[in-house]
Amino acid sequence: QVQLVESGGGLVQVGGSLRLSCATSGRAFSSQTMAWFRQAPGKEREFVAAINWSGGFTRYANSVKGRFAISRDNAKNTLYLQMNTLKPEDAAVYYCAASLISSSILPTTRFEYPYWGQGTQVAVSS
């Protein structure tokens, strides 16, 4: 089993920054592809970013490319999402997700990730 706990959400002004963290425990974190998804009210949960086990490969949704950066610290069993130049449309609950994949494949569909955190709220004020 894998346990995921997100933190770092909050209220930020348009153009501001936040860094989300996802602390993991259980299954070997360092061998899994990890991802961030988000879900705004009334919308489907959508892919934000993914990273392979080593951190050498990353993938981003077009809407966040150039503004967000996903990273991981395998020694600390922690996944991060640095969010810069935040926009009102970035407001959502952000979820950390873990796959069973140990390669450089970076899925963007939620069904490839069997493990999820409880989410952390990000609000962006204009």
Foldseek 3Di string as FASTA:
>chain_A
DKAKAKDWADEEAQQAKTKMKIAMDDPQLLQWKKFKWWDAPPDDIWGAKIAASPRPDMDGDPVQPPFKDWGDDSVRRMIMIIGGNDDQVVWTWMKMFIAPDRDGDTDTDPVRTPDIYPTDTHGYHD
